[in-house]
Every structure is written in structure tokens, then in C-alpha cells.
Amino acid sequence: MMTLVPNQSCNAAELRASLAALDSVVHEPVQLKLLAWIMGLPNDLDPAIAAQLVLGKTVDSPAATMQPSGISGALLKLVETVAEYPRERLAQMARRRSTLN
């Protein structure tokens, strides 16, 4: 059974550790591991911000990406995708869709 991130404020090291722990589960698809990680994040933490912290991206160096140890390449690719869609960007996309309909 996969454990979730504790529901509390997390720093980058804790976020990486929780993702690595989920990734250590052998017979689960990476999509399910990512979903479990996101579902376990605190409600006030944007998953994109958490993903950016895991990847080592900061406001000062948004292009910098580190290779967190213990996390597979397949899961990191999904985390990179999540990092590209903060709440503000998703809200803009939703507004555009509603104006088109």
C-alpha cells in the first residue's frame, strides 16, 4: 500500500523524500504514484509549486532542474509536466475555454 505525504507544510527535502518513497513501490504505475503524491499534498500547496521544489526550480533560477535521487526518470517527467501548470495558468485556461463555449 502506498503512503501519502503528511498533511502539513513541507519543504523541498520532505517533498522529494515522499515522492521517492512512493516511487519505491514496485508494482504501481507512475501515474498512480504521482496521483498519490499530489493527493497527499497540503490543501494550500499548489502541486505545481511542490513539483518545482522537487525539481530544484526557484524564483531566482526557474530554468534550473536537478535530478533528485531515488526518483525514476518516468516519474520525474510527470513531475516536470505538473510543474508547468500552476493554479494561475490552469485558471487562465479554464477561462479561455468558458469564453469559447
Foldseek 3Di string as FASTA:
>chain_A
DQDEQAQDDDALVSLLVSLLSLQVPPPDDLVVSLVRHVVRYHPPDWLLVNLQSPQVADPVHNPRGDDRPSHDPVNNVVSVVSVVDTPVNVVVVVVVVVVVD
